[in-house]
């Protein structure tokens, strides 16, 4: 004979979808997980690839020998990007582990990253200003592209952290 299971009271059945939705939102998934993967996995791989592509080989050595300002600019950019990548790894880990200050840490990181990139790009342009106009114009276009990309990423991620239901469920409810 089959046992019949008791049906939960009507009030418990009505609460279940709300509790399920709340617990589902407290998991690091979706866009929030993408943010963590970008910081912990993709950014270090990208940085390593850039170092290999731009800083090695005969072409780079010849360029650095003929134009020391380019070597100085490259060294400054590499140092700053390495620091930002390490900082990003720490932020990604804090968000992934659902630290109580994860949202605040992530927003602070996004502001700092944008400010650092702006300062570095302006410094690079100042360092590279003695170059011939064709080279300087090429670096100017590259700097504007970097600034535009960083600004777009800043706006998108900061709005996500400020408006997302998932971020609010994970970080705003913690003491």
Protein backbone atom coordinates (compact mmCIF):
# COMPACT_ATOMS: atom_id res chain seq x y z
CA UNK A 1 0.00 0.00 0.00
CA UNK A 2 1.34 3.41 -0.91
CA UNK A 3 1.91 5.90 1.84
CA UNK A 4 0.34 9.23 1.34
CA UNK A 5 2.46 12.20 2.13
CA UNK A 6 0.88 15.04 3.94
CA UNK A 7 0.34 18.17 2.00
CA UNK A 8 1.91 21.16 3.72
CA UNK A 9 -0.49 23.75 5.06
CA UNK A 10 -1.63 26.34 2.58
CA UNK A 11 0.47 29.13 4.18
CA UNK A 12 3.68 27.07 3.92
CA UNK A 13 3.01 26.37 0.23
CA UNK A 14 2.52 30.07 -0.42
CA UNK A 15 5.81 30.97 1.31
CA UNK A 16 7.92 28.36 -0.49
CA UNK A 17 8.41 30.27 -3.80
CA UNK A 18 9.46 33.39 -1.90
CA UNK A 19 11.97 31.50 0.25
CA UNK A 20 13.28 29.63 -2.80
CA UNK A 21 13.70 32.88 -4.75
CA UNK A 22 15.51 34.54 -1.83
CA UNK A 23 17.92 31.62 -1.40
CA UNK A 24 18.54 31.45 -5.15
CA UNK A 25 19.46 35.13 -5.22
CA UNK A 26 22.01 34.65 -2.45
CA UNK A 27 24.18 32.43 -4.65
CA UNK A 28 27.05 33.90 -6.68
CA UNK A 29 25.74 33.18 -10.17
CA UNK A 30 25.09 34.93 -13.45
CA UNK A 31 26.65 38.35 -13.96
CA UNK A 32 28.15 38.36 -10.49
CA UNK A 33 29.96 35.11 -11.25
CA UNK A 34 31.17 36.61 -14.54
CA UNK A 35 32.60 39.57 -12.61
CA UNK A 36 34.52 37.14 -10.36
CA UNK A 37 35.77 35.04 -13.28
CA UNK A 38 36.94 38.17 -15.09
CA UNK A 39 38.94 39.27 -12.06
CA UNK A 40 40.30 35.86 -10.98
CA UNK A 41 40.92 34.10 -14.30
CA UNK A 42 40.58 36.23 -17.42
CA UNK A 43 42.44 39.36 -16.26
CA UNK A 44 45.62 37.48 -15.25
CA UNK A 45 45.59 35.50 -18.52
CA UNK A 46 45.08 38.69 -20.54
CA UNK A 47 47.90 40.46 -18.68
CA UNK A 48 50.26 37.55 -19.25
CA UNK A 49 49.37 37.49 -22.97
CA UNK A 50 49.99 41.24 -23.28
CA UNK A 51 53.38 40.91 -21.59
CA UNK A 52 54.36 38.12 -23.97
CA UNK A 53 53.11 39.87 -27.06
CA UNK A 54 54.40 43.39 -26.45
CA UNK A 55 57.48 42.98 -24.30
CA UNK A 56 59.35 40.17 -25.99
CA UNK A 57 60.96 39.54 -29.32
CA UNK A 58 63.22 41.43 -31.64
CA UNK A 59 60.63 43.99 -32.66
CA UNK A 60 60.08 45.11 -29.06
CA UNK A 61 63.82 45.21 -28.34
CA UNK A 62 64.46 47.26 -31.47
CA UNK A 63 61.61 49.67 -30.68
CA UNK A 64 62.85 50.11 -27.11
CA UNK A 65 66.42 50.70 -28.31
CA UNK A 66 65.39 53.33 -30.86
CA UNK A 67 62.90 55.09 -28.58
CA UNK A 68 63.55 54.94 -24.83
CA UNK A 69 60.31 56.84 -23.99
CA UNK A 70 58.31 53.88 -25.34
CA UNK A 71 60.22 51.50 -23.07
CA UNK A 72 59.59 53.73 -20.04
CA UNK A 73 55.91 54.06 -20.90
CA UNK A 74 55.59 50.30 -21.36
CA UNK A 75 57.29 49.62 -18.01
CA UNK A 76 54.97 52.06 -16.19
CA UNK A 77 51.87 50.62 -17.83
CA UNK A 78 52.94 47.05 -17.03
CA UNK A 79 53.59 47.89 -13.38
CA UNK A 80 50.24 49.61 -12.92
CA UNK A 81 48.29 46.94 -14.79
CA UNK A 82 49.99 44.22 -12.71
CA UNK A 83 48.97 46.01 -9.52
CA UNK A 84 45.40 46.49 -10.75
CA UNK A 85 45.22 42.82 -11.71
CA UNK A 86 46.35 41.72 -8.26
CA UNK A 87 43.87 44.10 -6.64
CA UNK A 88 41.18 42.74 -8.97
CA UNK A 89 41.99 39.17 -7.92
CA UNK A 90 41.52 40.12 -4.27
CA UNK A 91 38.22 41.85 -5.09
CA UNK A 92 37.00 38.89 -7.15
CA UNK A 93 37.82 36.54 -4.31
CA UNK A 94 36.03 38.75 -1.76
CA UNK A 95 32.91 38.85 -3.94
CA UNK A 96 33.06 35.12 -4.71
CA UNK A 97 33.35 34.28 -1.01
CA UNK A 98 30.46 36.68 -0.30
CA UNK A 99 32.38 38.89 2.09
CA UNK A 100 30.09 41.21 4.02
CA UNK A 101 31.91 44.16 2.45
CA UNK A 102 32.01 42.66 -1.06
CA UNK A 103 29.78 45.24 -2.70
CA UNK A 104 31.64 48.16 -1.15
CA UNK A 105 35.02 46.62 -2.04
CA UNK A 106 33.95 46.02 -5.64
CA UNK A 107 32.64 49.57 -6.09
CA UNK A 108 35.81 51.01 -4.57
CA UNK A 109 37.90 48.84 -6.90
CA UNK A 110 35.96 50.00 -9.96
CA UNK A 111 36.45 53.67 -9.03
CA UNK A 112 40.13 53.16 -8.26
CA UNK A 113 40.70 51.24 -11.49
CA UNK A 114 39.11 53.97 -13.61
CA UNK A 115 41.09 56.70 -11.86
CA UNK A 116 44.35 54.73 -12.18
CA UNK A 117 43.82 54.08 -15.88
CA UNK A 118 43.06 57.76 -16.53
CA UNK A 119 46.19 58.88 -14.65
CA UNK A 120 48.38 56.27 -16.36
CA UNK A 121 47.13 57.10 -19.83
CA UNK A 122 47.71 60.83 -19.26
CA UNK A 123 51.20 60.11 -17.89
CA UNK A 124 51.97 57.89 -20.87
CA UNK A 125 50.90 60.62 -23.26
CA UNK A 126 53.15 63.09 -21.43
CA UNK A 127 56.08 60.64 -21.62
CA UNK A 128 55.47 59.93 -25.30
CA UNK A 129 54.95 63.56 -26.34
CA UNK A 130 58.55 63.94 -27.63
CA UNK A 131 57.96 61.20 -30.21
CA UNK A 132 57.34 62.07 -33.85
CA UNK A 133 53.76 63.14 -34.49
CA UNK A 134 52.77 59.92 -36.33
CA UNK A 135 53.83 57.75 -33.39
CA UNK A 136 52.30 60.08 -30.84
CA UNK A 137 49.00 60.19 -32.75
CA UNK A 138 48.93 56.37 -32.82
CA UNK A 139 49.46 56.27 -29.05
CA UNK A 140 46.83 58.97 -28.56
CA UNK A 141 44.27 56.88 -30.44
CA UNK A 142 45.19 53.84 -28.38
CA UNK A 143 44.88 55.83 -25.13
CA UNK A 144 41.45 57.14 -26.12
CA UNK A 145 40.31 53.59 -26.89
CA UNK A 146 41.54 52.36 -23.51
CA UNK A 147 39.83 55.25 -21.70
CA UNK A 148 36.56 54.68 -23.54
CA UNK A 149 36.62 50.96 -22.79
CA UNK A 150 37.42 51.45 -19.11
CA UNK A 151 34.71 54.10 -18.77
CA UNK A 152 32.10 51.80 -20.32
CA UNK A 153 33.14 48.93 -18.05
CA UNK A 154 33.04 51.22 -15.01
CA UNK A 155 29.52 52.45 -15.81
CA UNK A 156 28.16 48.97 -16.53
CA UNK A 157 29.67 47.21 -13.50
CA UNK A 158 29.01 50.02 -11.04
CA UNK A 159 25.36 50.19 -12.13
CA UNK A 160 25.11 46.43 -11.79
CA UNK A 161 26.49 46.50 -8.25
CA UNK A 162 24.18 49.35 -7.28
CA UNK A 163 20.94 48.02 -8.85
CA UNK A 164 21.13 44.23 -8.94
CA UNK A 165 18.67 42.21 -6.84
CA UNK A 166 21.28 39.47 -6.49
CA UNK A 167 23.95 41.87 -5.19
CA UNK A 168 21.44 43.37 -2.76
CA UNK A 169 20.36 39.92 -1.54
CA UNK A 170 23.97 38.82 -0.96
CA UNK A 171 25.63 41.94 0.40
CA UNK A 172 23.03 44.41 1.66
CA UNK A 173 21.44 42.00 4.13
CA UNK A 174 24.71 41.27 5.93
CA UNK A 175 25.75 43.27 9.01
